[in-house]
Amino acid sequence: MTEQLPLLDGLRRRDEGMARAEANAETFVRVVRSAMVRLSMERGSACADDAREFAREHGLVAPSKFVWGAIWQPTKSGRWVKVGEAASRVPENHAHVNKLWRWIPNEEAP
């Protein structure tokens, strides 16, 4: 059996992986994140289904499956806060539950 990583080491590795995914798909993440920020500001929240729908409608292809998580990472201009959950609208996702995210600009962050 392999040894489990200490929690802080695991969190650090997760964050490093997200940063690498974002760096490798900088334009994709920036464009989709910007659209999700606008949607969140207009509607109150955004979710993974919204991001995938936006990408599909605009002909954007994720360079890897790992970049989707990078969309919801904090930036210099703000951060995402989980405000709820909702069943996925995508039939192929079966009973998947999406997190609903609200964008908090830095000037509003506590």
PDB file of N, CA and C in Angstrom:
ATOM      1  N   MET A   1       0.845  -1.174   0.000  1.00  0.00           N
ATOM      2  CA  MET A   1       0.000   0.000   0.000  1.00  0.00           C
ATOM      3  C   MET A   1       0.893   1.241   0.000  1.00  0.00           C
ATOM      4  N   THR A   2       0.478   2.261  -0.750  1.00  0.00           N
ATOM      5  CA  THR A   2       1.260   3.492  -0.795  1.00  0.00           C
ATOM      6  C   THR A   2       0.914   4.382   0.382  1.00  0.00           C
ATOM      7  N   GLU A   3       1.896   5.174   0.766  1.00  0.00           N
ATOM      8  CA  GLU A   3       1.710   6.077   1.900  1.00  0.00           C
ATOM      9  C   GLU A   3       0.873   7.280   1.470  1.00  0.00           C
ATOM     10  N   GLN A   4      -0.072   7.656   2.309  1.00  0.00           N
ATOM     11  CA  GLN A   4      -0.905   8.811   2.017  1.00  0.00           C
ATOM     12  C   GLN A   4      -0.126  10.092   2.293  1.00  0.00           C
ATOM     13  N   LEU A   5      -0.297  11.069   1.395  1.00  0.00           N
ATOM     14  CA  LEU A   5       0.363  12.360   1.573  1.00  0.00           C
ATOM     15  C   LEU A   5      -0.258  13.114   2.739  1.00  0.00           C
ATOM     16  N   PRO A   6       0.550  13.887   3.460  1.00  0.00           N
ATOM     17  CA  PRO A   6      -0.033  14.773   4.464  1.00  0.00           C
ATOM     18  C   PRO A   6      -0.964  15.765   3.759  1.00  0.00           C
ATOM     19  N   LEU A   7      -2.007  16.208   4.431  1.00  0.00           N
ATOM     20  CA  LEU A   7      -3.020  17.068   3.832  1.00  0.00           C
ATOM     21  C   LEU A   7      -2.425  18.298   3.152  1.00  0.00           C
ATOM     22  N   LEU A   8      -1.554  19.008   3.832  1.00  0.00           N
ATOM     23  CA  LEU A   8      -1.003  20.237   3.249  1.00  0.00           C
ATOM     24  C   LEU A   8      -0.178  19.950   2.002  1.00  0.00           C
ATOM     25  N   ASP A   9       0.533  18.830   1.988  1.00  0.00           N
ATOM     26  CA  ASP A   9       1.305  18.457   0.810  1.00  0.00           C
ATOM     27  C   ASP A   9       0.365  18.126  -0.344  1.00  0.00           C
ATOM     28  N   GLY A  10      -0.714  17.437  -0.053  1.00  0.00           N
ATOM     29  CA  GLY A  10      -1.702  17.112  -1.074  1.00  0.00           C
ATOM     30  C   GLY A  10      -2.351  18.363  -1.655  1.00  0.00           C
ATOM     31  N   LEU A  11      -2.693  19.313  -0.801  1.00  0.00           N
ATOM     32  CA  LEU A  11      -3.290  20.570  -1.258  1.00  0.00           C
ATOM     33  C   LEU A  11      -2.300  21.368  -2.110  1.00  0.00           C
ATOM     34  N   ARG A  12      -1.042  21.380  -1.686  1.00  0.00           N
ATOM     35  CA  ARG A  12      -0.015  22.087  -2.449  1.00  0.00           C
ATOM     36  C   ARG A  12       0.135  21.465  -3.831  1.00  0.00           C
ATOM     37  N   ARG A  13       0.177  20.143  -3.900  1.00  0.00           N
ATOM     38  CA  ARG A  13       0.317  19.461  -5.190  1.00  0.00           C
ATOM     39  C   ARG A  13      -0.903  19.703  -6.079  1.00  0.00           C
ATOM     40  N   ARG A  14      -2.084  19.723  -5.470  1.00  0.00           N
ATOM     41  CA  ARG A  14      -3.294  20.021  -6.240  1.00  0.00           C
ATOM     42  C   ARG A  14      -3.191  21.416  -6.858  1.00  0.00           C
ATOM     43  N   ASP A  15      -2.814  22.396  -6.040  1.00  0.00           N
ATOM     44  CA  ASP A  15      -2.708  23.774  -6.518  1.00  0.00           C
ATOM     45  C   ASP A  15      -1.640  23.912  -7.609  1.00  0.00           C
ATOM     46  N   GLU A  16      -0.529  23.213  -7.455  1.00  0.00           N
ATOM     47  CA  GLU A  16       0.514  23.242  -8.477  1.00  0.00           C
ATOM     48  C   GLU A  16       0.004  22.634  -9.786  1.00  0.00           C
ATOM     49  N   GLY A  17      -0.747  21.554  -9.685  1.00  0.00           N
ATOM     50  CA  GLY A  17      -1.308  20.914 -10.877  1.00  0.00           C
ATOM     51  C   GLY A  17      -2.289  21.827 -11.594  1.00  0.00           C
ATOM     52  N   MET A  18      -3.130  22.517 -10.832  1.00  0.00           N
ATOM     53  CA  MET A  18      -4.074  23.467 -11.424  1.00  0.00           C
ATOM     54  C   MET A  18      -3.321  24.594 -12.118  1.00  0.00           C
ATOM     55  N   ALA A  19      -2.271  25.092 -11.492  1.00  0.00           N
ATOM     56  CA  ALA A  19      -1.480  26.174 -12.094  1.00  0.00           C
ATOM     57  C   ALA A  19      -0.839  25.708 -13.398  1.00  0.00           C
ATOM     58  N   ARG A  20      -0.333  24.465 -13.422  1.00  0.00           N
ATOM     59  CA  ARG A  20       0.259  23.926 -14.653  1.00  0.00           C
ATOM     60  C   ARG A  20      -0.798  23.792 -15.740  1.00  0.00           C
ATOM     61  N   ALA A  21      -1.986  23.278 -15.372  1.00  0.00           N
ATOM     62  CA  ALA A  21      -3.064  23.121 -16.357  1.00  0.00           C
ATOM     63  C   ALA A  21      -3.448  24.473 -16.939  1.00  0.00           C
ATOM     64  N   GLU A  22      -3.551  25.482 -16.083  1.00  0.00           N
ATOM     65  CA  GLU A  22      -3.909  26.814 -16.555  1.00  0.00           C
ATOM     66  C   GLU A  22      -2.818  27.395 -17.448  1.00  0.00           C
ATOM     67  N   ALA A  23      -1.561  27.222 -17.071  1.00  0.00           N
ATOM     68  CA  ALA A  23      -0.456  27.756 -17.865  1.00  0.00           C
ATOM     69  C   ALA A  23      -0.407  27.111 -19.244  1.00  0.00           C
ATOM     70  N   ASN A  24      -0.761  25.834 -19.330  1.00  0.00           N
ATOM     71  CA  ASN A  24      -0.729  25.122 -20.606  1.00  0.00           C
ATOM     72  C   ASN A  24      -1.933  25.444 -21.486  1.00  0.00           C
ATOM     73  N   ALA A  25      -2.938  26.093 -20.928  1.00  0.00           N
ATOM     74  CA  ALA A  25      -4.149  26.415 -21.681  1.00  0.00           C
ATOM     75  C   ALA A  25      -4.590  27.831 -21.343  1.00  0.00           C
ATOM     76  N   GLU A  26      -3.636  28.735 -21.254  1.00  0.00           N
ATOM     77  CA  GLU A  26      -3.880  30.085 -20.755  1.00  0.00           C
ATOM     78  C   GLU A  26      -5.019  30.795 -21.481  1.00  0.00           C
ATOM     79  N   THR A  27      -5.016  30.778 -22.797  1.00  0.00           N
ATOM     80  CA  THR A  27      -6.052  31.485 -23.552  1.00  0.00           C
ATOM     81  C   THR A  27      -7.418  30.851 -23.323  1.00  0.00           C
ATOM     82  N   PHE A  28      -7.492  29.532 -23.415  1.00  0.00           N
ATOM     83  CA  PHE A  28      -8.758  28.832 -23.197  1.00  0.00           C
ATOM     84  C   PHE A  28      -9.333  29.169 -21.825  1.00  0.00           C
ATOM     85  N   VAL A  29      -8.526  29.030 -20.786  1.00  0.00           N
ATOM     86  CA  VAL A  29      -8.992  29.291 -19.422  1.00  0.00           C
ATOM     87  C   VAL A  29      -9.403  30.747 -19.266  1.00  0.00           C
ATOM     88  N   ARG A  30      -8.621  31.672 -19.797  1.00  0.00           N
ATOM     89  CA  ARG A  30      -8.929  33.099 -19.656  1.00  0.00           C
ATOM     90  C   ARG A  30     -10.261  33.442 -20.320  1.00  0.00           C
ATOM     91  N   VAL A  31     -10.486  32.929 -21.521  1.00  0.00           N
ATOM     92  CA  VAL A  31     -11.715  33.235 -22.257  1.00  0.00           C
ATOM     93  C   VAL A  31     -12.935  32.632 -21.562  1.00  0.00           C
ATOM     94  N   VAL A  32     -12.843  31.367 -21.194  1.00  0.00           N
ATOM     95  CA  VAL A  32     -13.989  30.714 -20.554  1.00  0.00           C
ATOM     96  C   VAL A  32     -14.227  31.303 -19.162  1.00  0.00           C
ATOM     97  N   ARG A  33     -13.160  31.553 -18.412  1.00  0.00           N
ATOM     98  CA  ARG A  33     -13.322  32.158 -17.078  1.00  0.00           C
ATOM     99  C   ARG A  33     -13.997  33.524 -17.192  1.00  0.00           C
ATOM    100  N   SER A  34     -13.581  34.345 -18.140  1.00  0.00           N
ATOM    101  CA  SER A  34     -14.186  35.672 -18.321  1.00  0.00           C
ATOM    102  C   SER A  34     -15.678  35.558 -18.604  1.00  0.00           C
ATOM    103  N   ALA A  35     -16.049  34.604 -19.429  1.00  0.00           N
ATOM    104  CA  ALA A  35     -17.468  34.397 -19.730  1.00  0.00           C
ATOM    105  C   ALA A  35     -18.230  33.949 -18.489  1.00  0.00           C
ATOM    106  N   MET A  36     -17.607  33.099 -17.668  1.00  0.00           N
ATOM    107  CA  MET A  36     -18.280  32.625 -16.459  1.00  0.00           C
ATOM    108  C   MET A  36     -18.390  33.742 -15.416  1.00  0.00           C
ATOM    109  N   VAL A  37     -17.396  34.626 -15.374  1.00  0.00           N
ATOM    110  CA  VAL A  37     -17.477  35.784 -14.473  1.00  0.00           C
ATOM    111  C   VAL A  37     -18.675  36.639 -14.876  1.00  0.00           C
ATOM    112  N   ARG A  38     -18.805  36.931 -16.175  1.00  0.00           N
ATOM    113  CA  ARG A  38     -19.938  37.744 -16.652  1.00  0.00           C
ATOM    114  C   ARG A  38     -21.263  37.064 -16.337  1.00  0.00           C
ATOM    115  N   LEU A  39     -21.346  35.754 -16.588  1.00  0.00           N
ATOM    116  CA  LEU A  39     -22.574  35.012 -16.318  1.00  0.00           C
ATOM    117  C   LEU A  39     -22.919  35.044 -14.837  1.00  0.00           C
ATOM    118  N   SER A  40     -21.916  34.849 -14.002  1.00  0.00           N
ATOM    119  CA  SER A  40     -22.131  34.889 -12.556  1.00  0.00           C
ATOM    120  C   SER A  40     -22.629  36.256 -12.109  1.00  0.00           C
ATOM    121  N   MET A  41     -22.061  37.311 -12.674  1.00  0.00           N
ATOM    122  CA  MET A  41     -22.474  38.662 -12.295  1.00  0.00           C
ATOM    123  C   MET A  41     -23.909  38.943 -12.766  1.00  0.00           C
ATOM    124  N   GLU A  42     -24.280  38.410 -13.914  1.00  0.00           N
ATOM    125  CA  GLU A  42     -25.626  38.622 -14.456  1.00  0.00           C
ATOM    126  C   GLU A  42     -26.674  37.762 -13.759  1.00  0.00           C
ATOM    127  N   ARG A  43     -26.348  36.498 -13.534  1.00  0.00           N
ATOM    128  CA  ARG A  43     -27.324  35.519 -13.076  1.00  0.00           C
ATOM    129  C   ARG A  43     -27.184  35.145 -11.599  1.00  0.00           C
ATOM    130  N   GLY A  44     -26.038  35.465 -11.022  1.00  0.00           N
ATOM    131  CA  GLY A  44     -25.818  35.126  -9.616  1.00  0.00           C
ATOM    132  C   GLY A  44     -24.928  33.924  -9.394  1.00  0.00           C
ATOM    133  N   SER A  45     -24.764  33.077 -10.431  1.00  0.00           N
ATOM    134  CA  SER A  45     -23.873  31.927 -10.315  1.00  0.00           C
ATOM    135  C   SER A  45     -23.597  31.357 -11.697  1.00  0.00           C
ATOM    136  N   ALA A  46     -22.591  30.495 -11.748  1.00  0.00           N
ATOM    137  CA  ALA A  46     -22.235  29.765 -12.965  1.00  0.00           C
ATOM    138  C   ALA A  46     -21.755  28.384 -12.540  1.00  0.00           C
ATOM    139  N   CYS A  47     -21.796  27.432 -13.462  1.00  0.00           N
ATOM    140  CA  CYS A  47     -21.380  26.063 -13.129  1.00  0.00           C
ATOM    141  C   CYS A  47     -20.643  25.440 -14.313  1.00  0.00           C
ATOM    142  N   ALA A  48     -20.176  24.221 -14.113  1.00  0.00           N
ATOM    143  CA  ALA A  48     -19.413  23.510 -15.139  1.00  0.00           C
ATOM    144  C   ALA A  48     -20.220  23.333 -16.417  1.00  0.00           C
ATOM    145  N   ASP A  49     -21.512  23.056 -16.304  1.00  0.00           N
ATOM    146  CA  ASP A  49     -22.336  22.922 -17.509  1.00  0.00           C
ATOM    147  C   ASP A  49     -22.315  24.212 -18.323  1.00  0.00           C
ATOM    148  N   ASP A  50     -22.373  25.352 -17.635  1.00  0.00           N
ATOM    149  CA  ASP A  50     -22.330  26.649 -18.321  1.00  0.00           C
ATOM    150  C   ASP A  50     -21.009  26.827 -19.063  1.00  0.00           C
ATOM    151  N   ALA A  51     -19.912  26.463 -18.413  1.00  0.00           N
ATOM    152  CA  ALA A  51     -18.587  26.612 -19.019  1.00  0.00           C
ATOM    153  C   ALA A  51     -18.458  25.735 -20.257  1.00  0.00           C
ATOM    154  N   ARG A  52     -18.896  24.500 -20.172  1.00  0.00           N
ATOM    155  CA  ARG A  52     -18.802  23.585 -21.308  1.00  0.00           C
ATOM    156  C   ARG A  52     -19.713  24.034 -22.451  1.00  0.00           C
ATOM    157  N   GLU A  53     -20.895  24.522 -22.104  1.00  0.00           N
ATOM    158  CA  GLU A  53     -21.820  25.018 -23.120  1.00  0.00           C
ATOM    159  C   GLU A  53     -21.224  26.237 -23.839  1.00  0.00           C
ATOM    160  N   PHE A  54     -20.653  27.158 -23.074  1.00  0.00           N
ATOM    161  CA  PHE A  54     -20.021  28.333 -23.670  1.00  0.00           C
ATOM    162  C   PHE A  54     -18.907  27.913 -24.628  1.00  0.00           C
ATOM    163  N   ALA A  55     -18.036  27.014 -24.173  1.00  0.00           N
ATOM    164  CA  ALA A  55     -16.917  26.564 -25.010  1.00  0.00           C
ATOM    165  C   ALA A  55     -17.434  25.935 -26.298  1.00  0.00           C
ATOM    166  N   ARG A  56     -18.419  25.067 -26.169  1.00  0.00           N
ATOM    167  CA  ARG A  56     -18.966  24.390 -27.349  1.00  0.00           C
ATOM    168  C   ARG A  56     -19.576  25.408 -28.332  1.00  0.00           C
ATOM    169  N   GLU A  57     -20.367  26.352 -27.808  1.00  0.00           N
ATOM    170  CA  GLU A  57     -21.020  27.344 -28.666  1.00  0.00           C
ATOM    171  C   GLU A  57     -20.025  28.263 -29.375  1.00  0.00           C
ATOM    172  N   HIS A  58     -18.840  28.432 -28.784  1.00  0.00           N
ATOM    173  CA  HIS A  58     -17.831  29.319 -29.364  1.00  0.00           C
ATOM    174  C   HIS A  58     -16.685  28.573 -30.042  1.00  0.00           C
ATOM    175  N   GLY A  59     -16.866  27.279 -30.239  1.00  0.00           N
ATOM    176  CA  GLY A  59     -15.870  26.486 -30.953  1.00  0.00           C
ATOM    177  C   GLY A  59     -14.555  26.320 -30.214  1.00  0.00           C
ATOM    178  N   LEU A  60     -14.589  26.434 -28.896  1.00  0.00           N
ATOM    179  CA  LEU A  60     -13.374  26.281 -28.093  1.00  0.00           C
ATOM    180  C   LEU A  60     -13.238  24.831 -27.648  1.00  0.00           C
ATOM    181  N   VAL A  61     -12.046  24.300 -27.770  1.00  0.00           N
ATOM    182  CA  VAL A  61     -11.785  22.912 -27.389  1.00  0.00           C
ATOM    183  C   VAL A  61     -10.779  22.912 -26.244  1.00  0.00           C
ATOM    184  N   ALA A  62     -11.153  22.260 -25.160  1.00  0.00           N
ATOM    185  CA  ALA A  62     -10.240  22.161 -24.012  1.00  0.00           C
ATOM    186  C   ALA A  62      -9.031  21.333 -24.413  1.00  0.00           C
ATOM    187  N   PRO A  63      -7.816  21.856 -24.187  1.00  0.00           N
ATOM    188  CA  PRO A  63      -6.617  21.099 -24.551  1.00  0.00           C
ATOM    189  C   PRO A  63      -6.426  19.843 -23.711  1.00  0.00           C
ATOM    190  N   SER A  64      -7.050  19.785 -22.540  1.00  0.00           N
ATOM    191  CA  SER A  64      -7.039  18.565 -21.732  1.00  0.00           C
ATOM    192  C   SER A  64      -8.235  18.622 -20.788  1.00  0.00           C
ATOM    193  N   LYS A  65      -8.594  17.484 -20.242  1.00  0.00           N
ATOM    194  CA  LYS A  65      -9.741  17.455 -19.333  1.00  0.00           C
ATOM    195  C   LYS A  65      -9.435  18.164 -18.011  1.00  0.00           C
ATOM    196  N   PHE A  66      -8.176  18.431 -17.753  1.00  0.00           N
ATOM    197  CA  PHE A  66      -7.789  19.027 -16.482  1.00  0.00           C
ATOM    198  C   PHE A  66      -7.960  20.542 -16.435  1.00  0.00           C
ATOM    199  N   VAL A  67      -8.141  21.181 -17.580  1.00  0.00           N
ATOM    200  CA  VAL A  67      -8.234  22.645 -17.581  1.00  0.00           C
ATOM    201  C   VAL A  67      -9.566  23.149 -17.038  1.00  0.00           C
ATOM    202  N   TRP A  68     -10.586  22.328 -17.024  1.00  0.00           N
ATOM    203  CA  TRP A  68     -11.896  22.795 -16.554  1.00  0.00           C
ATOM    204  C   TRP A  68     -11.836  23.263 -15.106  1.00  0.00           C
ATOM    205  N   GLY A  69     -11.113  22.571 -14.268  1.00  0.00           N
ATOM    206  CA  GLY A  69     -10.995  22.976 -12.868  1.00  0.00           C
ATOM    207  C   GLY A  69     -10.261  24.288 -12.697  1.00  0.00           C
ATOM    208  N   ALA A  70      -9.351  24.598 -13.622  1.00  0.00           N
ATOM    209  CA  ALA A  70      -8.577  25.836 -13.528  1.00  0.00           C
ATOM    210  C   ALA A  70      -9.460  27.069 -13.706  1.00  0.00           C
ATOM    211  N   ILE A  71     -10.588  26.920 -14.380  1.00  0.00           N
ATOM    212  CA  ILE A  71     -11.499  28.050 -14.593  1.00  0.00           C
ATOM    213  C   ILE A  71     -11.968  28.628 -13.261  1.00  0.00           C
ATOM    214  N   TRP A  72     -12.130  27.787 -12.266  1.00  0.00           N
ATOM    215  CA  TRP A  72     -12.721  28.196 -10.987  1.00  0.00           C
ATOM    216  C   TRP A  72     -11.673  28.555  -9.938  1.00  0.00           C
ATOM    217  N   GLN A  73     -10.435  28.714 -10.346  1.00  0.00           N
ATOM    218  CA  GLN A  73      -9.376  29.104  -9.404  1.00  0.00           C
ATOM    219  C   GLN A  73      -9.377  30.613  -9.192  1.00  0.00           C
ATOM    220  N   PRO A  74      -8.947  31.079  -8.010  1.00  0.00           N
ATOM    221  CA  PRO A  74      -8.891  32.531  -7.760  1.00  0.00           C
ATOM    222  C   PRO A  74      -7.858  33.201  -8.659  1.00  0.00           C
ATOM    223  N   THR A  75      -8.063  34.485  -8.905  1.00  0.00           N
ATOM    224  CA  THR A  75      -7.129  35.267  -9.709  1.00  0.00           C
ATOM    225  C   THR A  75      -6.799  36.547  -8.946  1.00  0.00           C
ATOM    226  N   LYS A  76      -5.966  37.389  -9.539  1.00  0.00           N
ATOM    227  CA  LYS A  76      -5.637  38.671  -8.909  1.00  0.00           C
ATOM    228  C   LYS A  76      -6.864  39.575  -8.793  1.00  0.00           C
ATOM    229  N   SER A  77      -7.842  39.377  -9.672  1.00  0.00           N
ATOM    230  CA  SER A  77      -9.009  40.265  -9.666  1.00  0.00           C
ATOM    231  C   SER A  77     -10.177  39.762  -8.832  1.00  0.00           C
ATOM    232  N   GLY A  78     -10.127  38.509  -8.379  1.00  0.00           N
ATOM    233  CA  GLY A  78     -11.229  38.011  -7.555  1.00  0.00           C
ATOM    234  C   GLY A  78     -11.133  36.520  -7.303  1.00  0.00           C
ATOM    235  N   ARG A  79     -12.217  35.995  -6.750  1.00  0.00           N
ATOM    236  CA  ARG A  79     -12.255  34.570  -6.413  1.00  0.00           C
ATOM    237  C   ARG A  79     -13.678  34.051  -6.550  1.00  0.00           C
ATOM    238  N   TRP A  80     -13.804  32.747  -6.619  1.00  0.00           N
ATOM    239  CA  TRP A  80     -15.099  32.089  -6.706  1.00  0.00           C
ATOM    240  C   TRP A  80     -15.517  31.592  -5.329  1.00  0.00           C
ATOM    241  N   VAL A  81     -16.796  31.689  -5.036  1.00  0.00           N
ATOM    242  CA  VAL A  81     -17.346  31.182  -3.788  1.00  0.00           C
ATOM    243  C   VAL A  81     -18.479  30.223  -4.148  1.00  0.00           C
ATOM    244  N   LYS A  82     -18.449  29.040  -3.554  1.00  0.00           N
ATOM    245  CA  LYS A  82     -19.518  28.073  -3.805  1.00  0.00           C
ATOM    246  C   LYS A  82     -20.787  28.576  -3.122  1.00  0.00           C
ATOM    247  N   VAL A  83     -21.878  28.660  -3.905  1.00  0.00           N
ATOM    248  CA  VAL A  83     -23.138  29.162  -3.359  1.00  0.00           C
ATOM    249  C   VAL A  83     -24.252  28.132  -3.430  1.00  0.00           C
ATOM    250  N   GLY A  84     -23.952  26.949  -3.902  1.00  0.00           N
ATOM    251  CA  GLY A  84     -24.982  25.916  -3.962  1.00  0.00           C
ATOM    252  C   GLY A  84     -24.584  24.782  -4.872  1.00  0.00           C
ATOM    253  N   GLU A  85     -25.562  23.955  -5.168  1.00  0.00           N
ATOM    254  CA  GLU A  85     -25.373  22.807  -6.043  1.00  0.00           C
ATOM    255  C   GLU A  85     -26.618  22.640  -6.906  1.00  0.00           C
ATOM    256  N   ALA A  86     -26.442  22.037  -8.066  1.00  0.00           N
ATOM    257  CA  ALA A  86     -27.569  21.759  -8.961  1.00  0.00           C
ATOM    258  C   ALA A  86     -27.242  20.541  -9.801  1.00  0.00           C
ATOM    259  N   ALA A  87     -28.263  19.769 -10.111  1.00  0.00           N
ATOM    260  CA  ALA A  87     -28.072  18.607 -10.971  1.00  0.00           C
ATOM    261  C   ALA A  87     -27.593  19.063 -12.340  1.00  0.00           C
ATOM    262  N   SER A  88     -26.697  18.296 -12.931  1.00  0.00           N
ATOM    263  CA  SER A  88     -26.202  18.610 -14.263  1.00  0.00           C
ATOM    264  C   SER A  88     -27.350  18.573 -15.264  1.00  0.00           C
ATOM    265  N   ARG A  89     -27.303  19.486 -16.237  1.00  0.00           N
ATOM    266  CA  ARG A  89     -28.293  19.527 -17.314  1.00  0.00           C
ATOM    267  C   ARG A  89     -27.908  18.593 -18.459  1.00  0.00           C
ATOM    268  N   VAL A  90     -26.733  18.000 -18.377  1.00  0.00           N
ATOM    269  CA  VAL A  90     -26.220  17.144 -19.446  1.00  0.00           C
ATOM    270  C   VAL A  90     -26.628  15.697 -19.167  1.00  0.00           C
ATOM    271  N   PRO A  91     -27.467  15.106 -20.030  1.00  0.00           N
ATOM    272  CA  PRO A  91     -27.940  13.738 -19.773  1.00  0.00           C
ATOM    273  C   PRO A  91     -26.820  12.720 -19.578  1.00  0.00           C
ATOM    274  N   GLU A  92     -25.717  12.871 -20.319  1.00  0.00           N
ATOM    275  CA  GLU A  92     -24.597  11.920 -20.212  1.00  0.00           C
ATOM    276  C   GLU A  92     -23.911  11.988 -18.844  1.00  0.00           C
ATOM    277  N   ASN A  93     -24.157  13.037 -18.090  1.00  0.00           N
ATOM    278  CA  ASN A  93     -23.562  13.161 -16.753  1.00  0.00           C
ATOM    279  C   ASN A  93     -24.350  12.396 -15.701  1.00  0.00           C
ATOM    280  N   HIS A  94     -25.463  11.801 -16.112  1.00  0.00           N
ATOM    281  CA  HIS A  94     -26.317  10.999 -15.237  1.00  0.00           C
ATOM    282  C   HIS A  94     -26.714  11.805 -14.010  1.00  0.00           C
ATOM    283  N   ALA A  95     -26.339  11.390 -12.821  1.00  0.00           N
ATOM    284  CA  ALA A  95     -26.795  12.060 -11.598  1.00  0.00           C
ATOM    285  C   ALA A  95     -25.747  13.025 -11.036  1.00  0.00           C
ATOM    286  N   HIS A  96     -24.834  13.480 -11.886  1.00  0.00           N
ATOM    287  CA  HIS A  96     -23.780  14.380 -11.405  1.00  0.00           C
ATOM    288  C   HIS A  96     -24.373  15.671 -10.844  1.00  0.00           C
ATOM    289  N   VAL A  97     -23.805  16.133  -9.748  1.00  0.00           N
ATOM    290  CA  VAL A  97     -24.225  17.392  -9.136  1.00  0.00           C
ATOM    291  C   VAL A  97     -23.117  18.420  -9.347  1.00  0.00           C
ATOM    292  N   ASN A  98     -23.462  19.534  -9.985  1.00  0.00           N
ATOM    293  CA  ASN A  98     -22.512  20.625 -10.219  1.00  0.00           C
ATOM    294  C   ASN A  98     -22.473  21.567  -9.031  1.00  0.00           C
ATOM    295  N   LYS A  99     -21.318  22.108  -8.756  1.00  0.00           N
ATOM    296  CA  LYS A  99     -21.199  23.207  -7.799  1.00  0.00           C
ATOM    297  C   LYS A  99     -21.621  24.481  -8.523  1.00  0.00           C
ATOM    298  N   LEU A 100     -22.333  25.343  -7.823  1.00  0.00           N
ATOM    299  CA  LEU A 100     -22.696  26.655  -8.348  1.00  0.00           C
ATOM    300  C   LEU A 100     -21.726  27.658  -7.753  1.00  0.00           C
ATOM    301  N   TRP A 101     -21.092  28.453  -8.615  1.00  0.00           N
ATOM    302  CA  TRP A 101     -20.048  29.383  -8.195  1.00  0.00           C
ATOM    303  C   TRP A 101     -20.474  30.830  -8.424  1.00  0.00           C
ATOM    304  N   ARG A 102     -20.192  31.679  -7.458  1.00  0.00           N
ATOM    305  CA  ARG A 102     -20.410  33.126  -7.597  1.00  0.00           C
ATOM    306  C   ARG A 102     -19.052  33.812  -7.576  1.00  0.00           C
ATOM    307  N   TRP A 103     -18.866  34.744  -8.495  1.00  0.00           N
ATOM    308  CA  TRP A 103     -17.622  35.507  -8.591  1.00  0.00           C
ATOM    309  C   TRP A 103     -17.659  36.657  -7.601  1.00  0.00           C
ATOM    310  N   ILE A 104     -16.600  36.779  -6.808  1.00  0.00           N
ATOM    311  CA  ILE A 104     -16.454  37.866  -5.848  1.00  0.00           C
ATOM    312  C   ILE A 104     -15.230  38.689  -6.266  1.00  0.00           C
ATOM    313  N   PRO A 105     -15.443  39.895  -6.809  1.00  0.00           N
ATOM    314  CA  PRO A 105     -14.298  40.741  -7.151  1.00  0.00           C
ATOM    315  C   PRO A 105     -13.503  41.081  -5.897  1.00  0.00           C
ATOM    316  N   ASN A 106     -12.208  41.278  -6.026  1.00  0.00           N
ATOM    317  CA  ASN A 106     -11.353  41.522  -4.862  1.00  0.00           C
ATOM    318  C   ASN A 106     -11.803  42.684  -4.014  1.00  0.00           C
ATOM    319  N   GLU A 107     -12.322  43.751  -4.596  1.00  0.00           N
ATOM    320  CA  GLU A 107     -12.745  44.893  -3.781  1.00  0.00           C
ATOM    321  C   GLU A 107     -13.925  44.553  -2.879  1.00  0.00           C
ATOM    322  N   GLU A 108     -14.633  43.429  -3.178  1.00  0.00           N
ATOM    323  CA  GLU A 108     -15.750  43.003  -2.350  1.00  0.00           C
ATOM    324  C   GLU A 108     -15.371  41.869  -1.411  1.00  0.00           C
ATOM    325  N   ALA A 109     -14.200  41.288  -1.609  1.00  0.00           N
ATOM    326  CA  ALA A 109     -13.784  40.149  -0.776  1.00  0.00           C
ATOM    327  C   ALA A 109     -13.540  40.605   0.648  1.00  0.00           C
ATOM    328  N   PRO A 110     -13.946  39.758   1.623  1.00  0.00           N
ATOM    329  CA  PRO A 110     -13.743  40.134   3.037  1.00  0.00           C
ATOM    330  C   PRO A 110     -12.289  40.182   3.433  1.00  0.00           C
TER     331      PRO A 110
END
